[in-house]
Protein backbone atom coordinates (compact mmCIF):
# COMPACT_ATOMS: atom_id res chain seq x y z
CA UNK A 1 14.05 16.82 4.90
CA UNK A 2 11.05 14.33 4.60
CA UNK A 3 9.66 13.08 7.81
CA UNK A 4 9.76 9.86 5.89
CA UNK A 5 13.33 9.12 6.09
CA UNK A 6 12.79 4.81 5.64
CA UNK A 7 9.58 4.39 4.40
CA UNK A 8 10.69 0.27 3.33
CA UNK A 9 12.07 0.35 7.24
CA UNK A 10 8.72 1.73 8.70
CA UNK A 11 6.68 -0.87 6.64
CA UNK A 12 8.40 -3.65 7.99
CA UNK A 13 8.03 -2.58 11.46
CA UNK A 14 4.45 -1.88 10.71
CA UNK A 15 4.56 -5.61 9.77
CA UNK A 16 6.58 -7.05 12.41
CA UNK A 17 4.20 -5.48 14.73
CA UNK A 18 1.34 -7.40 13.34
CA UNK A 19 3.42 -11.09 13.62
CA UNK A 20 3.96 -10.01 17.26
CA UNK A 21 1.34 -12.22 19.98
CA UNK A 22 -1.08 -10.06 21.60
CA UNK A 23 -4.13 -10.42 23.43
CA UNK A 24 -7.65 -10.09 21.78
CA UNK A 25 -8.87 -6.89 21.57
CA UNK A 26 -12.18 -8.90 23.82
CA UNK A 27 -12.93 -11.83 24.90
CA UNK A 28 -16.23 -13.70 24.96
CA UNK A 29 -16.86 -16.86 27.59
CA UNK A 30 -19.55 -19.07 25.42
CA UNK A 31 -21.34 -22.06 27.85
CA UNK A 32 -21.62 -25.37 26.61
CA UNK A 33 -24.85 -24.88 25.39
CA UNK A 34 -23.59 -22.10 21.70
CA UNK A 35 -22.21 -25.72 20.77
CA UNK A 36 -23.72 -27.90 18.52
CA UNK A 37 -24.36 -31.36 20.76
CA UNK A 38 -23.56 -33.09 17.63
CA UNK A 39 -19.88 -31.43 17.63
CA UNK A 40 -17.09 -33.96 18.46
CA UNK A 41 -15.26 -31.85 19.98
CA UNK A 42 -18.33 -29.89 21.83
CA UNK A 43 -16.51 -28.15 25.07
CA UNK A 44 -17.72 -29.63 28.77
CA UNK A 45 -17.22 -26.13 30.10
CA UNK A 46 -17.07 -22.91 29.25
CA UNK A 47 -14.15 -21.49 27.13
CA UNK A 48 -13.28 -18.20 26.09
CA UNK A 49 -12.98 -17.02 22.89
CA UNK A 50 -11.17 -14.12 21.57
CA UNK A 51 -12.22 -11.28 19.21
CA UNK A 52 -10.25 -9.39 16.64
CA UNK A 53 -11.08 -7.00 13.61
CA UNK A 54 -11.24 -8.47 10.38
CA UNK A 55 -8.83 -7.03 7.42
CA UNK A 56 -10.84 -5.34 4.68
CA UNK A 57 -9.31 -7.92 2.68
CA UNK A 58 -11.60 -10.78 4.79
CA UNK A 59 -14.54 -8.39 4.65
CA UNK A 60 -14.37 -8.53 0.65
CA UNK A 61 -14.24 -12.14 0.71
CA UNK A 62 -16.84 -13.16 3.31
CA UNK A 63 -19.14 -11.01 1.21
CA UNK A 64 -17.77 -12.17 -2.24
CA UNK A 65 -18.45 -16.10 -0.36
CA UNK A 66 -22.20 -15.02 0.73
CA UNK A 67 -23.71 -13.76 -2.56
CA UNK A 68 -22.42 -16.82 -4.36
CA UNK A 69 -24.06 -19.26 -1.44
CA UNK A 70 -26.94 -17.35 -1.65
CA UNK A 71 -27.60 -16.76 -5.02
CA UNK A 72 -26.64 -20.85 -5.75
CA UNK A 73 -28.66 -22.21 -3.36
CA UNK A 74 -32.10 -19.61 -3.29
CA UNK A 75 -31.44 -18.18 -6.77
CA UNK A 76 -35.34 -18.86 -8.58
CA UNK A 77 -36.86 -18.49 -4.51
CA UNK A 78 -38.47 -15.16 -3.29
CA UNK A 79 -35.44 -13.01 -2.18
CA UNK A 80 -36.27 -13.46 1.75
CA UNK A 81 -34.39 -16.69 1.73
CA UNK A 82 -31.03 -15.28 -0.28
CA UNK A 83 -30.96 -12.55 1.93
CA UNK A 84 -31.76 -14.80 5.14
CA UNK A 85 -28.16 -17.00 3.73
CA UNK A 86 -27.01 -14.32 2.69
CA UNK A 87 -27.02 -12.61 5.89
CA UNK A 88 -26.00 -16.15 7.66
CA UNK A 89 -22.33 -17.13 5.52
CA UNK A 90 -21.48 -13.37 5.44
CA UNK A 91 -21.71 -13.66 9.92
CA UNK A 92 -20.33 -17.17 9.93
CA UNK A 93 -17.26 -16.42 7.38
CA UNK A 94 -16.53 -13.33 9.13
CA UNK A 95 -16.02 -14.82 12.65
CA UNK A 96 -14.40 -17.61 11.27
CA UNK A 97 -10.86 -14.55 10.97
CA UNK A 98 -12.44 -13.10 13.83
CA UNK A 99 -12.21 -15.91 16.75
CA UNK A 100 -8.80 -16.20 17.96
CA UNK A 101 -6.72 -17.74 21.24
CA UNK A 102 -7.79 -15.10 24.11
CA UNK A 103 -3.86 -14.67 24.33
CA UNK A 104 -2.98 -14.36 20.71
CA UNK A 105 -4.52 -12.92 17.87
CA UNK A 106 -2.56 -14.45 15.65
CA UNK A 107 -4.07 -18.20 16.24
CA UNK A 108 -7.76 -18.64 15.08
CA UNK A 109 -9.54 -20.34 17.76
CA UNK A 110 -11.14 -23.04 14.72
CA UNK A 111 -8.27 -23.43 12.99
CA UNK A 112 -7.55 -24.12 9.28
CA UNK A 113 -10.88 -25.20 8.13
CA UNK A 114 -12.69 -22.06 10.45
CA UNK A 115 -15.71 -21.25 8.02
CA UNK A 116 -17.00 -24.67 7.35
CA UNK A 117 -16.02 -25.69 10.99
CA UNK A 118 -18.23 -22.63 12.40
CA UNK A 119 -21.48 -23.58 10.45
CA UNK A 120 -20.84 -27.45 12.57
CA UNK A 121 -19.50 -26.33 15.84
CA UNK A 122 -21.50 -23.76 16.91
CA UNK A 123 -25.41 -23.67 17.58
CA UNK A 124 -26.85 -20.37 16.01
CA UNK A 125 -26.94 -18.63 19.44
CA UNK A 126 -23.59 -19.51 19.89
CA UNK A 127 -22.70 -17.49 16.08
CA UNK A 128 -24.75 -14.81 17.41
CA UNK A 129 -23.15 -14.09 20.64
CA UNK A 130 -19.73 -14.08 19.00
CA UNK A 131 -21.59 -11.71 16.64
CA UNK A 132 -22.47 -9.65 18.97
CA UNK A 133 -19.11 -9.29 20.44
CA UNK A 134 -17.88 -8.84 17.67
CA UNK A 135 -20.00 -6.22 16.58
CA UNK A 136 -19.46 -4.56 20.22
CA UNK A 137 -16.00 -4.66 19.08
CA UNK A 138 -16.12 -1.79 16.11
CA UNK A 139 -18.06 0.03 18.13
CA UNK A 140 -16.24 0.23 21.61
CA UNK A 141 -12.83 1.05 19.08
CA UNK A 142 -14.26 2.93 16.20
CA UNK A 143 -13.06 6.42 15.73
CA UNK A 144 -16.66 7.11 14.09
CA UNK A 145 -18.26 6.27 17.93
CA UNK A 146 -18.10 9.94 19.41
CA UNK A 147 -17.91 9.25 22.84
CA UNK A 148 -20.96 10.69 25.21
CA UNK A 149 -19.44 13.98 26.90
CA UNK A 150 -20.86 15.01 30.69
CA UNK A 151 -23.69 16.63 29.68
CA UNK A 152 -25.27 14.36 27.49
CA UNK A 153 -24.72 11.76 30.42
CA UNK A 154 -26.75 13.59 32.49
CA UNK A 155 -29.80 14.55 30.68
CA UNK A 156 -29.77 10.42 29.49
CA UNK A 157 -30.22 10.18 33.27
CA UNK A 158 -32.82 11.93 33.78
CA UNK A 159 -34.62 10.83 30.18
CA UNK A 160 -33.72 6.91 32.06
CA UNK A 161 -34.94 8.21 34.88
CA UNK A 162 -38.44 9.58 34.21
CA UNK A 163 -39.00 7.17 30.94
CA UNK A 164 -39.08 9.92 28.32
CA UNK A 165 -35.52 8.03 26.60
CA UNK A 166 -38.32 5.41 25.60
CA UNK A 167 -41.52 7.99 23.83
CA UNK A 168 -41.78 6.98 20.92
CA UNK A 169 -40.68 3.88 20.14
CA UNK A 170 -41.82 0.68 19.24
CA UNK A 171 -41.88 -2.48 21.98
CA UNK A 172 -39.32 -3.92 20.09
CA UNK A 173 -36.52 -0.68 19.94
CA UNK A 174 -37.61 0.04 23.60
CA UNK A 175 -35.85 -3.83 24.70
CA UNK A 176 -32.91 -3.05 21.87
CA UNK A 177 -32.21 0.40 23.95
CA UNK A 178 -33.08 -1.61 27.33
CA UNK A 179 -29.85 -4.43 25.76
CA UNK A 180 -27.22 -0.90 25.26
CA UNK A 181 -27.93 0.32 28.35
CA UNK A 182 -27.47 -2.87 30.35
CA UNK A 183 -24.69 -3.88 28.13
CA UNK A 184 -23.14 0.20 29.05
CA UNK A 185 -23.33 -0.66 32.80
CA UNK A 186 -21.88 -4.93 32.05
CA UNK A 187 -19.02 -2.97 30.50
CA UNK A 188 -18.35 -0.09 33.00
CA UNK A 189 -18.55 -2.57 36.25
CA UNK A 190 -16.37 -5.47 34.45
CA UNK A 191 -13.89 -2.23 34.11
CA UNK A 192 -13.39 -1.03 37.19
CA UNK A 193 -9.84 -2.72 39.62
CA UNK A 194 -11.21 -5.08 41.74
């Protein structure tokens, strides 16, 4: 007998779960400085924004929109302008769908006109802060991101202590590694019960 007695019922259960109110997997606190001074709804104090992962369909749509925007604006210029605009448009488009109310992944934080509103509401620093949170959520939840073993952590501790972890890295790459290590420390500290 098949383990799939009622595939339609099983699919309906999965769809119903996706419509349930659930908190966001990650919550970011943005200061007012992350929002444009010209935005009429700029918050006066820090706000929390939930982050969720988006579907492949959303990613495909974001890539298409970014390609069109980049080509329309920079079709006769050097490719660097197209690449920059593509990346900026891609980030904003994905974030429009990824930013949700902290207590409800179904409710977009920026509302129904999120894609155009993000460009108006956020500074470049605000966009980058949310994008970093989105990228970290992908790493934190991906089955492709392997956990460090105890032995690897012991080796890392030694390499950090004697600074060999930075051997051969450019100054820029050293800063990236330091940021990642700091994030790991902050993440561990934030998950400890008070």
